[in-house]
Amino acid sequence: MVQVEVSVDSGEAFDRALARFKKMCGKAGIVTEIKKRSFYEKPSEKRRRIEMKRQRKVKPRRMGGERPQFYNGGGSNR
């Protein structure tokens, strides 16, 4: 498990330090891991979830032709 540590500077507001802590937990994937482990997932359900995720990832490539504009890497279209 990843350990997240936030050092609070003197004079820094607690709310600001808490916001940094939450942001670091989100980036480390702790929140999603806790949600994932909160209920038992049967192995068959896990395989199905992984397969669905793989299919969603592959689908834009199978469509062929030019990629839609929102797949251009987030750059400006102008």
C-alpha atoms as a PDB file:
ATOM      1  CA  MET A   1       0.000   0.000   0.000  1.00  0.00           C
ATOM      2  CA  VAL A   2       1.204   3.493  -0.776  1.00  0.00           C
ATOM      3  CA  GLN A   3       1.927   5.778   2.136  1.00  0.00           C
ATOM      4  CA  VAL A   4       0.869   9.393   1.695  1.00  0.00           C
ATOM      5  CA  GLU A   5       2.477  12.026   3.871  1.00  0.00           C
ATOM      6  CA  VAL A   6       1.726  15.747   3.999  1.00  0.00           C
ATOM      7  CA  SER A   7       3.864  18.177   5.963  1.00  0.00           C
ATOM      8  CA  VAL A   8       1.958  21.160   7.323  1.00  0.00           C
ATOM      9  CA  ASP A   9       3.869  24.425   7.351  1.00  0.00           C
ATOM     10  CA  SER A  10       3.522  26.798  10.280  1.00  0.00           C
ATOM     11  CA  GLY A  11       0.780  29.286   9.574  1.00  0.00           C
ATOM     12  CA  GLU A  12      -0.769  27.083   6.878  1.00  0.00           C
ATOM     13  CA  ALA A  13      -4.513  26.613   7.112  1.00  0.00           C
ATOM     14  CA  PHE A  14      -5.737  23.148   8.027  1.00  0.00           C
ATOM     15  CA  ASP A  15      -8.218  23.177   5.135  1.00  0.00           C
ATOM     16  CA  ARG A  16      -5.432  23.769   2.653  1.00  0.00           C
ATOM     17  CA  ALA A  17      -3.332  20.916   4.065  1.00  0.00           C
ATOM     18  CA  LEU A  18      -6.372  18.625   4.027  1.00  0.00           C
ATOM     19  CA  ALA A  19      -7.027  19.518   0.389  1.00  0.00           C
ATOM     20  CA  ARG A  20      -3.417  18.640  -0.501  1.00  0.00           C
ATOM     21  CA  PHE A  21      -3.765  15.337   1.370  1.00  0.00           C
ATOM     22  CA  LYS A  22      -6.966  14.448  -0.491  1.00  0.00           C
ATOM     23  CA  LYS A  23      -5.359  15.346  -3.817  1.00  0.00           C
ATOM     24  CA  MET A  24      -2.338  13.156  -3.085  1.00  0.00           C
ATOM     25  CA  CYS A  25      -4.596  10.263  -2.050  1.00  0.00           C
ATOM     26  CA  GLY A  26      -6.499  10.605  -5.305  1.00  0.00           C
ATOM     27  CA  LYS A  27      -3.321  10.593  -7.399  1.00  0.00           C
ATOM     28  CA  ALA A  28      -1.975   7.572  -5.515  1.00  0.00           C
ATOM     29  CA  GLY A  29      -5.190   5.661  -6.234  1.00  0.00           C
ATOM     30  CA  ILE A  30      -6.001   5.022  -2.590  1.00  0.00           C
ATOM     31  CA  VAL A  31      -9.647   6.087  -2.830  1.00  0.00           C
ATOM     32  CA  THR A  32     -10.376   3.840  -5.811  1.00  0.00           C
ATOM     33  CA  GLU A  33      -8.579   0.939  -4.125  1.00  0.00           C
ATOM     34  CA  ILE A  34     -10.699   1.335  -0.981  1.00  0.00           C
ATOM     35  CA  LYS A  35     -13.911   1.462  -3.017  1.00  0.00           C
ATOM     36  CA  LYS A  36     -12.818  -1.593  -4.982  1.00  0.00           C
ATOM     37  CA  ARG A  37     -12.059  -3.596  -1.830  1.00  0.00           C
ATOM     38  CA  SER A  38     -15.140  -2.529   0.125  1.00  0.00           C
ATOM     39  CA  PHE A  39     -17.138  -5.427  -1.355  1.00  0.00           C
ATOM     40  CA  TYR A  40     -16.076  -8.883  -2.435  1.00  0.00           C
ATOM     41  CA  GLU A  41     -15.830  -9.254  -6.187  1.00  0.00           C
ATOM     42  CA  LYS A  42     -16.200 -12.770  -7.534  1.00  0.00           C
ATOM     43  CA  PRO A  43     -13.418 -13.874  -9.886  1.00  0.00           C
ATOM     44  CA  SER A  44     -15.915 -14.185 -12.750  1.00  0.00           C
ATOM     45  CA  GLU A  45     -17.103 -10.603 -12.162  1.00  0.00           C
ATOM     46  CA  LYS A  46     -13.507  -9.403 -12.060  1.00  0.00           C
ATOM     47  CA  ARG A  47     -12.736 -11.094 -15.396  1.00  0.00           C
ATOM     48  CA  ARG A  48     -15.885  -9.581 -16.902  1.00  0.00           C
ATOM     49  CA  ARG A  49     -14.996  -6.085 -15.647  1.00  0.00           C
ATOM     50  CA  ILE A  50     -11.470  -6.332 -17.039  1.00  0.00           C
ATOM     51  CA  GLU A  51     -12.770  -7.595 -20.402  1.00  0.00           C
ATOM     52  CA  MET A  52     -15.303  -4.743 -20.632  1.00  0.00           C
ATOM     53  CA  LYS A  53     -12.542  -2.241 -19.841  1.00  0.00           C
ATOM     54  CA  ARG A  54     -10.362  -3.752 -22.572  1.00  0.00           C
ATOM     55  CA  GLN A  55     -13.202  -3.601 -25.106  1.00  0.00           C
ATOM     56  CA  ARG A  56     -13.879   0.070 -24.344  1.00  0.00           C
ATOM     57  CA  LYS A  57     -10.203   0.804 -24.911  1.00  0.00           C
ATOM     58  CA  VAL A  58     -10.064  -1.090 -28.224  1.00  0.00           C
ATOM     59  CA  LYS A  59     -13.374   0.164 -29.657  1.00  0.00           C
ATOM     60  CA  PRO A  60     -12.121   3.518 -31.081  1.00  0.00           C
ATOM     61  CA  ARG A  61      -9.378   1.673 -32.994  1.00  0.00           C
ATOM     62  CA  ARG A  62     -11.851  -0.807 -34.505  1.00  0.00           C
ATOM     63  CA  MET A  63     -14.091   1.971 -35.816  1.00  0.00           C
ATOM     64  CA  GLY A  64     -11.469   2.630 -38.489  1.00  0.00           C
ATOM     65  CA  GLY A  65     -10.947   5.749 -40.488  1.00  0.00           C
ATOM     66  CA  GLU A  66     -10.101   9.030 -38.884  1.00  0.00           C
ATOM     67  CA  ARG A  67     -10.250   9.363 -35.127  1.00  0.00           C
ATOM     68  CA  PRO A  68     -12.903  11.684 -33.692  1.00  0.00           C
ATOM     69  CA  GLN A  69     -11.630  15.151 -32.785  1.00  0.00           C
ATOM     70  CA  PHE A  70     -11.884  14.576 -29.050  1.00  0.00           C
ATOM     71  CA  TYR A  71      -9.169  11.876 -29.330  1.00  0.00           C
ATOM     72  CA  ASN A  72      -6.525  14.271 -30.658  1.00  0.00           C
ATOM     73  CA  GLY A  73      -4.633  14.478 -27.379  1.00  0.00           C
ATOM     74  CA  GLY A  74      -6.455  17.469 -25.924  1.00  0.00           C
ATOM     75  CA  GLY A  75      -4.866  20.084 -28.163  1.00  0.00           C
ATOM     76  CA  SER A  76      -6.636  23.030 -29.674  1.00  0.00           C
ATOM     77  CA  ASN A  77      -8.509  22.449 -32.927  1.00  0.00           C
ATOM     78  CA  ARG A  78      -8.096  26.007 -34.159  1.00  0.00           C
END
